Amino acid sequence: MPTAYITHPSFLLHTMGGWHPESPERLRAIDDRLHAAHLFDFLTHLEAPPVQRSQLLRVHDAAYIDFVEASSPSTGFRALDPDTSMNPHTLDAAFHAAGGAVMAVDRVMRGEVANAFVACRPPGHHATRNQAMGFCFFNNVAVAAAHALEAHGLARVAIVDFDVHHGNGTEAIFTDEPRVLLCSTFQHPFYPHCGADTASEHIVNVPLPAGTTGNSYREAFSAQIMPRLEAHRPQMLFFSAGFDGHREDDMAQFGLVEADYVWITEQVMDVAARHAEGRIVSLLEGGYDLSSLGRSAAAHIKAMAGL
């Protein structure tokens, strides 16, 4: 079965200003690299639907959803956080980003595709139940995981967040939900300045120092995350796929390269093959250097597709 590639035109219309690193060019860079690497035509291309309010309510407060809707400007920008703003297209993009996450789960669970990558904007893993932050409005991976549990009746899922920033929103949403194993690697100390001391039986936080390169990252991942994934026996796995840990991305100070993202992908795919019938959904989070983002995301997708 093929790998699904899910996106939507609204993702290119959401912008927080020409200066902002979370830009529409990020998706164009991925698209361009998929074409250059001759991967584009091997994927099943799908257009994300809008999320349903009931699907958002599994992970976000009703008052917060109402607030985001009411904050949508008719012109210009509306800031919900110092670095998180809405333009007139943001609300539509956020609804379709979360809707793409739900679609990915449904298509994979029905066996229509082997796995799925959602090339979504805005990203989601910093959004809490009631707060937009860190470029994020709705927590796409949390929406997807909750949908797998509630709509498809799964008993255990796992999220592997390899963005260079801690997935604080995802942790806050699932802190009391043992059915969700969250494994997050991140630079520390660094934005959002949390996660180093909040681990639990189902929250696996792996803070790593600036300057971390592939070998030390792989050692930490193998020692601290792989045993927990095996013990949890997830029936579906999710990636919060942030590529801002690449050595060419000046958003942070990790030294990862494309081969490291392929290695992470393959490790998690092995777990999925053993416990989850291969079911994986990956959702785009960070990655702001356009060249390394395009190359890394394409390498990740190529590994998922087994090409």
C-alpha atoms as a PDB file:
ATOM      1  CA  MET A   1       0.000   0.000   0.000  1.00  0.00           C
ATOM      2  CA  PRO A   2       1.151   3.560  -0.665  1.00  0.00           C
ATOM      3  CA  THR A   3       1.949   6.369   1.735  1.00  0.00           C
ATOM      4  CA  ALA A   4      -0.587   9.188   1.849  1.00  0.00           C
ATOM      5  CA  TYR A   5       0.520  12.807   1.515  1.00  0.00           C
ATOM      6  CA  ILE A   6      -2.174  15.073   2.911  1.00  0.00           C
ATOM      7  CA  THR A   7      -2.264  18.835   2.514  1.00  0.00           C
ATOM      8  CA  HIS A   8      -4.641  21.718   1.691  1.00  0.00           C
ATOM      9  CA  PRO A   9      -4.440  25.011  -0.242  1.00  0.00           C
ATOM     10  CA  SER A  10      -5.300  27.033   2.875  1.00  0.00           C
ATOM     11  CA  PHE A  11      -1.960  26.039   4.405  1.00  0.00           C
ATOM     12  CA  LEU A  12      -0.249  28.332   1.889  1.00  0.00           C
ATOM     13  CA  LEU A  13      -2.504  31.278   2.760  1.00  0.00           C
ATOM     14  CA  HIS A  14      -1.826  31.339   6.491  1.00  0.00           C
ATOM     15  CA  THR A  15       0.988  33.760   7.252  1.00  0.00           C
ATOM     16  CA  MET A  16       2.121  35.667  10.318  1.00  0.00           C
ATOM     17  CA  GLY A  17       4.106  38.264   8.376  1.00  0.00           C
ATOM     18  CA  GLY A  18       6.890  38.176   5.821  1.00  0.00           C
ATOM     19  CA  TRP A  19       9.506  38.177   8.583  1.00  0.00           C
ATOM     20  CA  HIS A  20       8.103  35.114  10.343  1.00  0.00           C
ATOM     21  CA  PRO A  21      10.059  31.830  10.025  1.00  0.00           C
ATOM     22  CA  GLU A  22       6.869  29.719  10.030  1.00  0.00           C
ATOM     23  CA  SER A  23       6.054  30.614   6.437  1.00  0.00           C
ATOM     24  CA  PRO A  24       4.191  29.126   3.462  1.00  0.00           C
ATOM     25  CA  GLU A  25       7.574  28.600   1.794  1.00  0.00           C
ATOM     26  CA  ARG A  26       8.127  25.693   4.181  1.00  0.00           C
ATOM     27  CA  LEU A  27       5.537  23.578   2.385  1.00  0.00           C
ATOM     28  CA  ARG A  28       6.792  24.677  -1.017  1.00  0.00           C
ATOM     29  CA  ALA A  29      10.282  23.541  -0.014  1.00  0.00           C
ATOM     30  CA  ILE A  30       8.977  20.075   0.870  1.00  0.00           C
ATOM     31  CA  ASP A  31       6.935  19.863  -2.321  1.00  0.00           C
ATOM     32  CA  ASP A  32       9.901  20.944  -4.436  1.00  0.00           C
ATOM     33  CA  ARG A  33      12.170  18.354  -2.846  1.00  0.00           C
ATOM     34  CA  LEU A  34       9.637  15.561  -3.298  1.00  0.00           C
ATOM     35  CA  HIS A  35       9.554  16.395  -7.010  1.00  0.00           C
ATOM     36  CA  ALA A  36      13.329  16.725  -7.284  1.00  0.00           C
ATOM     37  CA  ALA A  37      13.820  13.367  -5.583  1.00  0.00           C
ATOM     38  CA  HIS A  38      11.185  11.750  -7.853  1.00  0.00           C
ATOM     39  CA  LEU A  39       9.074  10.775  -4.834  1.00  0.00           C
ATOM     40  CA  PHE A  40       5.964  12.865  -5.486  1.00  0.00           C
ATOM     41  CA  ASP A  41       4.265  10.473  -7.909  1.00  0.00           C
ATOM     42  CA  PHE A  42       4.727   7.459  -5.618  1.00  0.00           C
ATOM     43  CA  LEU A  43       2.501   9.005  -2.933  1.00  0.00           C
ATOM     44  CA  THR A  44      -1.283   9.046  -2.640  1.00  0.00           C
ATOM     45  CA  HIS A  45      -2.244  12.730  -2.586  1.00  0.00           C
ATOM     46  CA  LEU A  46      -5.252  13.748  -0.517  1.00  0.00           C
ATOM     47  CA  GLU A  47      -6.818  17.083   0.395  1.00  0.00           C
ATOM     48  CA  ALA A  48      -7.464  17.606   4.081  1.00  0.00           C
ATOM     49  CA  PRO A  49     -11.068  18.205   5.168  1.00  0.00           C
ATOM     50  CA  PRO A  50     -11.977  20.653   7.939  1.00  0.00           C
ATOM     51  CA  VAL A  51     -11.974  19.208  11.432  1.00  0.00           C
ATOM     52  CA  GLN A  52     -15.271  18.714  13.217  1.00  0.00           C
ATOM     53  CA  ARG A  53     -15.840  20.645  16.438  1.00  0.00           C
ATOM     54  CA  SER A  54     -16.485  17.381  18.291  1.00  0.00           C
ATOM     55  CA  GLN A  55     -13.025  16.168  17.251  1.00  0.00           C
ATOM     56  CA  LEU A  56     -11.386  19.330  18.603  1.00  0.00           C
ATOM     57  CA  LEU A  57     -13.341  19.061  21.839  1.00  0.00           C
ATOM     58  CA  ARG A  58     -11.544  15.832  22.712  1.00  0.00           C
ATOM     59  CA  VAL A  59      -8.370  17.853  23.360  1.00  0.00           C
ATOM     60  CA  HIS A  60      -9.373  21.528  23.580  1.00  0.00           C
ATOM     61  CA  ASP A  61     -11.762  23.422  25.831  1.00  0.00           C
ATOM     62  CA  ALA A  62     -14.938  24.737  24.197  1.00  0.00           C
ATOM     63  CA  ALA A  63     -14.229  28.253  25.406  1.00  0.00           C
ATOM     64  CA  TYR A  64     -10.795  28.150  23.802  1.00  0.00           C
ATOM     65  CA  ILE A  65     -12.166  26.993  20.434  1.00  0.00           C
ATOM     66  CA  ASP A  66     -14.707  29.835  20.623  1.00  0.00           C
ATOM     67  CA  PHE A  67     -11.889  32.280  21.429  1.00  0.00           C
ATOM     68  CA  VAL A  68      -9.804  31.218  18.429  1.00  0.00           C
ATOM     69  CA  GLU A  69     -12.822  31.497  16.150  1.00  0.00           C
ATOM     70  CA  ALA A  70     -13.707  34.938  17.522  1.00  0.00           C
ATOM     71  CA  SER A  71     -10.104  36.106  17.139  1.00  0.00           C
ATOM     72  CA  SER A  72      -9.973  35.543  13.390  1.00  0.00           C
ATOM     73  CA  PRO A  73      -9.420  38.971  11.773  1.00  0.00           C
ATOM     74  CA  SER A  74     -11.117  40.174   8.617  1.00  0.00           C
ATOM     75  CA  THR A  75      -7.945  42.022   7.648  1.00  0.00           C
ATOM     76  CA  GLY A  76      -4.417  42.265   8.955  1.00  0.00           C
ATOM     77  CA  PHE A  77      -3.160  40.240  11.892  1.00  0.00           C
ATOM     78  CA  ARG A  78      -4.373  39.355  15.376  1.00  0.00           C
ATOM     79  CA  ALA A  79      -1.747  38.191  17.878  1.00  0.00           C
ATOM     80  CA  LEU A  80      -2.762  35.429  20.320  1.00  0.00           C
ATOM     81  CA  ASP A  81       0.793  35.082  21.644  1.00  0.00           C
ATOM     82  CA  PRO A  82       3.963  37.156  21.094  1.00  0.00           C
ATOM     83  CA  ASP A  83       5.005  34.957  18.152  1.00  0.00           C
ATOM     84  CA  THR A  84       1.641  33.423  17.180  1.00  0.00           C
ATOM     85  CA  SER A  85      -0.717  35.495  15.037  1.00  0.00           C
ATOM     86  CA  MET A  86      -3.764  34.993  12.840  1.00  0.00           C
ATOM     87  CA  ASN A  87      -4.444  36.452   9.431  1.00  0.00           C
ATOM     88  CA  PRO A  88      -7.840  36.111   7.677  1.00  0.00           C
ATOM     89  CA  HIS A  89      -6.897  32.619   6.414  1.00  0.00           C
ATOM     90  CA  THR A  90      -5.411  31.188   9.602  1.00  0.00           C
ATOM     91  CA  LEU A  91      -8.612  29.812  11.087  1.00  0.00           C
ATOM     92  CA  ASP A  92      -9.407  27.896   7.892  1.00  0.00           C
ATOM     93  CA  ALA A  93      -5.853  26.547   7.757  1.00  0.00           C
ATOM     94  CA  ALA A  94      -5.958  25.485  11.422  1.00  0.00           C
ATOM     95  CA  PHE A  95      -9.268  23.682  10.902  1.00  0.00           C
ATOM     96  CA  HIS A  96      -7.885  21.832   7.876  1.00  0.00           C
ATOM     97  CA  ALA A  97      -4.599  20.995   9.605  1.00  0.00           C
ATOM     98  CA  ALA A  98      -6.481  19.239  12.398  1.00  0.00           C
ATOM     99  CA  GLY A  99      -8.879  17.757   9.855  1.00  0.00           C
ATOM    100  CA  GLY A 100      -5.954  16.354   7.892  1.00  0.00           C
ATOM    101  CA  ALA A 101      -4.745  14.668  11.068  1.00  0.00           C
ATOM    102  CA  VAL A 102      -8.131  12.997  11.486  1.00  0.00           C
ATOM    103  CA  MET A 103      -8.257  11.979   7.826  1.00  0.00           C
ATOM    104  CA  ALA A 104      -4.820  10.402   8.130  1.00  0.00           C
ATOM    105  CA  VAL A 105      -5.922   8.278  11.065  1.00  0.00           C
ATOM    106  CA  ASP A 106      -9.083   7.165   9.279  1.00  0.00           C
ATOM    107  CA  ARG A 107      -7.315   6.241   6.047  1.00  0.00           C
ATOM    108  CA  VAL A 108      -4.590   4.292   7.832  1.00  0.00           C
ATOM    109  CA  MET A 109      -7.020   2.533  10.168  1.00  0.00           C
ATOM    110  CA  ARG A 110      -9.218   1.497   7.240  1.00  0.00           C
ATOM    111  CA  GLY A 111      -6.191   0.031   5.473  1.00  0.00           C
ATOM    112  CA  GLU A 112      -6.510   2.354   2.486  1.00  0.00           C
ATOM    113  CA  VAL A 113      -2.899   3.519   2.852  1.00  0.00           C
ATOM    114  CA  ALA A 114       0.058   2.052   4.703  1.00  0.00           C
ATOM    115  CA  ASN A 115       0.839   5.255   6.575  1.00  0.00           C
ATOM    116  CA  ALA A 116       0.447   9.003   6.119  1.00  0.00           C
ATOM    117  CA  PHE A 117       2.343  12.279   6.241  1.00  0.00           C
ATOM    118  CA  VAL A 118       0.321  15.437   6.856  1.00  0.00           C
ATOM    119  CA  ALA A 119       2.099  18.476   5.408  1.00  0.00           C
ATOM    120  CA  CYS A 120       0.186  20.898   7.589  1.00  0.00           C
ATOM    121  CA  ARG A 121       0.425  24.500   8.678  1.00  0.00           C
ATOM    122  CA  PRO A 122       0.019  25.830  11.280  1.00  0.00           C
ATOM    123  CA  PRO A 123       1.885  23.259  13.401  1.00  0.00           C
ATOM    124  CA  GLY A 124       0.390  22.083  16.669  1.00  0.00           C
ATOM    125  CA  HIS A 125       2.505  20.543  19.410  1.00  0.00           C
ATOM    126  CA  HIS A 126       2.820  23.694  21.548  1.00  0.00           C
ATOM    127  CA  ALA A 127      -0.951  24.325  21.679  1.00  0.00           C
ATOM    128  CA  THR A 128      -2.444  23.358  25.052  1.00  0.00           C
ATOM    129  CA  ARG A 129      -6.088  22.746  25.865  1.00  0.00           C
ATOM    130  CA  ASN A 130      -6.679  26.464  26.221  1.00  0.00           C
ATOM    131  CA  GLN A 131      -3.698  28.374  24.870  1.00  0.00           C
ATOM    132  CA  ALA A 132      -2.134  29.162  21.495  1.00  0.00           C
ATOM    133  CA  MET A 133       1.648  29.476  21.553  1.00  0.00           C
ATOM    134  CA  GLY A 134       4.813  28.736  19.647  1.00  0.00           C
ATOM    135  CA  PHE A 135       3.202  29.202  16.183  1.00  0.00           C
ATOM    136  CA  CYS A 136       0.453  26.676  17.137  1.00  0.00           C
ATOM    137  CA  PHE A 137      -3.341  27.043  17.463  1.00  0.00           C
ATOM    138  CA  PHE A 138      -4.833  23.537  17.619  1.00  0.00           C
ATOM    139  CA  ASN A 139      -2.778  20.514  18.644  1.00  0.00           C
ATOM    140  CA  ASN A 140      -2.910  18.411  15.492  1.00  0.00           C
ATOM    141  CA  VAL A 141      -1.122  15.334  16.817  1.00  0.00           C
ATOM    142  CA  ALA A 142      -3.271  15.320  19.961  1.00  0.00           C
ATOM    143  CA  VAL A 143      -6.413  15.533  17.823  1.00  0.00           C
ATOM    144  CA  ALA A 144      -5.140  12.574  15.780  1.00  0.00           C
ATOM    145  CA  ALA A 145      -4.218  10.438  18.792  1.00  0.00           C
ATOM    146  CA  ALA A 146      -7.497  11.135  20.554  1.00  0.00           C
ATOM    147  CA  HIS A 147      -9.393  10.261  17.377  1.00  0.00           C
ATOM    148  CA  ALA A 148      -7.580   6.932  17.136  1.00  0.00           C
ATOM    149  CA  LEU A 149      -8.547   6.129  20.714  1.00  0.00           C
ATOM    150  CA  GLU A 150     -12.136   7.307  20.693  1.00  0.00           C
ATOM    151  CA  ALA A 151     -13.334   6.779  17.113  1.00  0.00           C
ATOM    152  CA  HIS A 152     -11.406   3.592  16.376  1.00  0.00           C
ATOM    153  CA  GLY A 153     -11.406   2.044  19.824  1.00  0.00           C
ATOM    154  CA  LEU A 154      -7.658   1.602  20.200  1.00  0.00           C
ATOM    155  CA  ALA A 155      -6.371   0.906  23.683  1.00  0.00           C
ATOM    156  CA  ARG A 156      -2.825   2.250  23.354  1.00  0.00           C
ATOM    157  CA  VAL A 157      -1.104   4.738  21.056  1.00  0.00           C
ATOM    158  CA  ALA A 158       2.301   6.406  21.110  1.00  0.00           C
ATOM    159  CA  ILE A 159       3.583   9.791  19.963  1.00  0.00           C
ATOM    160  CA  VAL A 160       7.247  10.325  19.074  1.00  0.00           C
ATOM    161  CA  ASP A 161       8.035  14.047  19.009  1.00  0.00           C
ATOM    162  CA  PHE A 162      11.472  14.725  17.512  1.00  0.00           C
ATOM    163  CA  ASP A 163      11.050  18.466  17.066  1.00  0.00           C
ATOM    164  CA  VAL A 164      13.950  20.381  18.643  1.00  0.00           C
ATOM    165  CA  HIS A 165      11.439  22.103  20.958  1.00  0.00           C
ATOM    166  CA  HIS A 166       9.606  20.200  23.678  1.00  0.00           C
ATOM    167  CA  GLY A 167       6.022  19.245  22.818  1.00  0.00           C
ATOM    168  CA  ASN A 168       4.645  20.947  25.913  1.00  0.00           C
ATOM    169  CA  GLY A 169       1.098  21.241  24.613  1.00  0.00           C
ATOM    170  CA  THR A 170       0.861  17.559  23.810  1.00  0.00           C
ATOM    171  CA  GLU A 171       2.227  16.688  27.246  1.00  0.00           C
ATOM    172  CA  ALA A 172      -0.251  18.990  28.978  1.00  0.00           C
ATOM    173  CA  ILE A 173      -3.178  17.498  27.072  1.00  0.00           C
ATOM    174  CA  PHE A 174      -2.246  13.874  27.782  1.00  0.00           C
ATOM    175  CA  THR A 175      -0.628  14.202  31.203  1.00  0.00           C
ATOM    176  CA  ASP A 176      -3.448  12.171  32.808  1.00  0.00           C
ATOM    177  CA  GLU A 177      -4.044   9.811  29.849  1.00  0.00           C
ATOM    178  CA  PRO A 178      -1.989   6.619  30.246  1.00  0.00           C
ATOM    179  CA  ARG A 179      -3.297   5.206  26.960  1.00  0.00           C
ATOM    180  CA  VAL A 180      -1.010   7.738  25.241  1.00  0.00           C
ATOM    181  CA  LEU A 181       2.742   7.237  25.528  1.00  0.00           C
ATOM    182  CA  LEU A 182       4.454  10.524  24.653  1.00  0.00           C
ATOM    183  CA  CYS A 183       8.172  10.376  23.860  1.00  0.00           C
ATOM    184  CA  SER A 184       9.756  13.778  23.273  1.00  0.00           C
ATOM    185  CA  THR A 185      13.395  14.607  22.511  1.00  0.00           C
ATOM    186  CA  PHE A 186      14.321  18.288  22.683  1.00  0.00           C
ATOM    187  CA  GLN A 187      17.065  20.803  23.260  1.00  0.00           C
ATOM    188  CA  HIS A 188      17.285  21.935  26.890  1.00  0.00           C
ATOM    189  CA  PRO A 189      17.382  24.562  28.246  1.00  0.00           C
ATOM    190  CA  PHE A 190      15.407  26.074  25.394  1.00  0.00           C
ATOM    191  CA  TYR A 191      11.919  27.233  24.427  1.00  0.00           C
ATOM    192  CA  PRO A 192       9.331  26.470  25.832  1.00  0.00           C
ATOM    193  CA  HIS A 193      11.523  26.065  28.937  1.00  0.00           C
ATOM    194  CA  CYS A 194       9.840  22.987  30.363  1.00  0.00           C
ATOM    195  CA  GLY A 195       9.782  19.194  30.137  1.00  0.00           C
ATOM    196  CA  ALA A 196      13.083  18.330  31.773  1.00  0.00           C
ATOM    197  CA  ASP A 197      11.501  17.317  35.089  1.00  0.00           C
ATOM    198  CA  THR A 198       7.958  16.227  34.221  1.00  0.00           C
ATOM    199  CA  ALA A 199       8.404  12.620  33.123  1.00  0.00           C
ATOM    200  CA  SER A 200       5.948   9.940  34.279  1.00  0.00           C
ATOM    201  CA  GLU A 201       5.035   6.349  33.497  1.00  0.00           C
ATOM    202  CA  HIS A 202       3.689   7.454  30.115  1.00  0.00           C
ATOM    203  CA  ILE A 203       5.580  10.704  29.501  1.00  0.00           C
ATOM    204  CA  VAL A 204       9.157  10.100  28.325  1.00  0.00           C
ATOM    205  CA  ASN A 205      11.055  13.371  28.095  1.00  0.00           C
ATOM    206  CA  VAL A 206      14.632  13.298  26.822  1.00  0.00           C
ATOM    207  CA  PRO A 207      16.250  16.732  27.253  1.00  0.00           C
ATOM    208  CA  LEU A 208      19.519  17.054  25.342  1.00  0.00           C
ATOM    209  CA  PRO A 209      22.087  19.847  25.338  1.00  0.00           C
ATOM    210  CA  ALA A 210      22.867  22.292  22.563  1.00  0.00           C
ATOM    211  CA  GLY A 211      25.426  20.765  20.247  1.00  0.00           C
ATOM    212  CA  THR A 212      23.840  17.298  20.278  1.00  0.00           C
ATOM    213  CA  THR A 213      24.748  15.451  17.082  1.00  0.00           C
ATOM    214  CA  GLY A 214      23.570  12.238  15.489  1.00  0.00           C
ATOM    215  CA  ASN A 215      25.555   9.688  17.484  1.00  0.00           C
ATOM    216  CA  SER A 216      24.647  11.047  20.905  1.00  0.00           C
ATOM    217  CA  TYR A 217      21.042  11.587  19.816  1.00  0.00           C
ATOM    218  CA  ARG A 218      20.746   7.995  18.605  1.00  0.00           C
ATOM    219  CA  GLU A 219      22.257   6.678  21.831  1.00  0.00           C
ATOM    220  CA  ALA A 220      19.752   8.603  23.941  1.00  0.00           C
ATOM    221  CA  PHE A 221      16.842   7.573  21.718  1.00  0.00           C
ATOM    222  CA  SER A 222      17.862   3.911  21.815  1.00  0.00           C
ATOM    223  CA  ALA A 223      18.377   3.862  25.578  1.00  0.00           C
ATOM    224  CA  GLN A 224      15.454   5.957  26.759  1.00  0.00           C
ATOM    225  CA  ILE A 225      12.716   5.763  24.139  1.00  0.00           C
ATOM    226  CA  MET A 226      12.899   2.409  22.380  1.00  0.00           C
ATOM    227  CA  PRO A 227      12.397   0.280  25.540  1.00  0.00           C
ATOM    228  CA  ARG A 228       9.394   2.372  26.538  1.00  0.00           C
ATOM    229  CA  LEU A 229       7.829   2.031  23.100  1.00  0.00           C
ATOM    230  CA  GLU A 230       8.288  -1.733  23.210  1.00  0.00           C
ATOM    231  CA  ALA A 231       6.783  -1.979  26.689  1.00  0.00           C
ATOM    232  CA  HIS A 232       3.760   0.140  25.725  1.00  0.00           C
ATOM    233  CA  ARG A 233       2.940  -2.008  22.657  1.00  0.00           C
ATOM    234  CA  PRO A 234       1.168   0.838  20.824  1.00  0.00           C
ATOM    235  CA  GLN A 235      -1.532  -0.060  18.341  1.00  0.00           C
ATOM    236  CA  MET A 236      -0.809   3.098  16.338  1.00  0.00           C
ATOM    237  CA  LEU A 237       2.132   5.490  16.321  1.00  0.00           C
ATOM    238  CA  PHE A 238       2.379   9.183  15.577  1.00  0.00           C
ATOM    239  CA  PHE A 239       5.256  11.484  14.729  1.00  0.00           C
ATOM    240  CA  SER A 240       5.377  15.129  15.708  1.00  0.00           C
ATOM    241  CA  ALA A 241       7.839  15.610  12.884  1.00  0.00           C
ATOM    242  CA  GLY A 242       9.905  18.719  13.474  1.00  0.00           C
ATOM    243  CA  PHE A 243      13.073  19.062  11.413  1.00  0.00           C
ATOM    244  CA  ASP A 244      14.462  22.131  13.212  1.00  0.00           C
ATOM    245  CA  GLY A 245      17.149  20.018  14.877  1.00  0.00           C
ATOM    246  CA  HIS A 246      19.044  19.903  11.572  1.00  0.00           C
ATOM    247  CA  ARG A 247      22.553  21.315  11.743  1.00  0.00           C
ATOM    248  CA  GLU A 248      21.701  23.877   9.033  1.00  0.00           C
ATOM    249  CA  ASP A 249      18.664  25.233  10.925  1.00  0.00           C
ATOM    250  CA  ASP A 250      19.625  28.226  13.041  1.00  0.00           C
ATOM    251  CA  MET A 251      16.400  28.100  15.042  1.00  0.00           C
ATOM    252  CA  ALA A 252      18.261  25.841  17.494  1.00  0.00           C
ATOM    253  CA  GLN A 253      21.657  24.263  18.104  1.00  0.00           C
ATOM    254  CA  PHE A 254      21.338  20.551  17.347  1.00  0.00           C
ATOM    255  CA  GLY A 255      23.537  18.912  14.714  1.00  0.00           C
ATOM    256  CA  LEU A 256      21.245  16.330  13.122  1.00  0.00           C
ATOM    257  CA  VAL A 257      21.262  15.497   9.409  1.00  0.00           C
ATOM    258  CA  GLU A 258      18.906  13.714   7.007  1.00  0.00           C
ATOM    259  CA  ALA A 259      20.328  10.287   7.868  1.00  0.00           C
ATOM    260  CA  ASP A 260      19.388  10.808  11.513  1.00  0.00           C
ATOM    261  CA  TYR A 261      15.758  11.498  10.603  1.00  0.00           C
ATOM    262  CA  VAL A 262      15.730   8.367   8.460  1.00  0.00           C
ATOM    263  CA  TRP A 263      17.141   6.394  11.406  1.00  0.00           C
ATOM    264  CA  ILE A 264      14.435   7.707  13.771  1.00  0.00           C
ATOM    265  CA  THR A 265      11.767   6.885  11.206  1.00  0.00           C
ATOM    266  CA  GLU A 266      13.031   3.342  10.711  1.00  0.00           C
ATOM    267  CA  GLN A 267      13.270   2.663  14.444  1.00  0.00           C
ATOM    268  CA  VAL A 268       9.664   3.679  14.982  1.00  0.00           C
ATOM    269  CA  MET A 269       8.522   1.802  11.882  1.00  0.00           C
ATOM    270  CA  ASP A 270      10.031  -1.359  13.356  1.00  0.00           C
ATOM    271  CA  VAL A 271       7.946  -0.862  16.508  1.00  0.00           C
ATOM    272  CA  ALA A 272       4.867  -0.221  14.386  1.00  0.00           C
ATOM    273  CA  ALA A 273       5.482  -3.406  12.418  1.00  0.00           C
ATOM    274  CA  ARG A 274       5.658  -5.457  15.628  1.00  0.00           C
ATOM    275  CA  HIS A 275       2.764  -3.958  17.529  1.00  0.00           C
ATOM    276  CA  ALA A 276       0.599  -1.760  15.293  1.00  0.00           C
ATOM    277  CA  GLU A 277       0.276  -3.516  11.931  1.00  0.00           C
ATOM    278  CA  GLY A 278       2.592  -0.800  10.577  1.00  0.00           C
ATOM    279  CA  ARG A 279       0.154   2.022  11.336  1.00  0.00           C
ATOM    280  CA  ILE A 280       1.909   5.408  11.478  1.00  0.00           C
ATOM    281  CA  VAL A 281       0.726   8.986  10.994  1.00  0.00           C
ATOM    282  CA  SER A 282       3.313  11.769  10.799  1.00  0.00           C
ATOM    283  CA  LEU A 283       2.433  15.443  11.181  1.00  0.00           C
ATOM    284  CA  LEU A 284       4.704  18.332  10.275  1.00  0.00           C
ATOM    285  CA  GLU A 285       5.812  20.520  13.162  1.00  0.00           C
ATOM    286  CA  GLY A 286       8.973  22.677  12.915  1.00  0.00           C
ATOM    287  CA  GLY A 287      11.830  23.090  10.455  1.00  0.00           C
ATOM    288  CA  TYR A 288      12.689  26.593   9.276  1.00  0.00           C
ATOM    289  CA  ASP A 289      15.773  26.390   7.095  1.00  0.00           C
ATOM    290  CA  LEU A 290      14.066  25.718   3.795  1.00  0.00           C
ATOM    291  CA  SER A 291      16.751  23.598   2.142  1.00  0.00           C
ATOM    292  CA  SER A 292      17.339  21.276   5.088  1.00  0.00           C
ATOM    293  CA  LEU A 293      13.610  21.099   5.808  1.00  0.00           C
ATOM    294  CA  GLY A 294      12.852  19.973   2.261  1.00  0.00           C
ATOM    295  CA  ARG A 295      15.625  17.386   2.243  1.00  0.00           C
ATOM    296  CA  SER A 296      14.839  16.055   5.722  1.00  0.00           C
ATOM    297  CA  ALA A 297      11.087  15.817   5.233  1.00  0.00           C
ATOM    298  CA  ALA A 298      11.579  14.073   1.889  1.00  0.00           C
ATOM    299  CA  ALA A 299      13.991  11.590   3.494  1.00  0.00           C
ATOM    300  CA  HIS A 300      11.472  10.938   6.289  1.00  0.00           C
ATOM    301  CA  ILE A 301       8.648  10.400   3.791  1.00  0.00           C
ATOM    302  CA  LYS A 302      10.832   8.193   1.584  1.00  0.00           C
ATOM    303  CA  ALA A 303      11.609   5.982   4.583  1.00  0.00           C
ATOM    304  CA  MET A 304       7.931   5.766   5.521  1.00  0.00           C
ATOM    305  CA  ALA A 305       7.085   4.808   1.940  1.00  0.00           C
ATOM    306  CA  GLY A 306       9.825   2.175   1.821  1.00  0.00           C
ATOM    307  CA  LEU A 307      11.268   3.693  -1.344  1.00  0.00           C
END
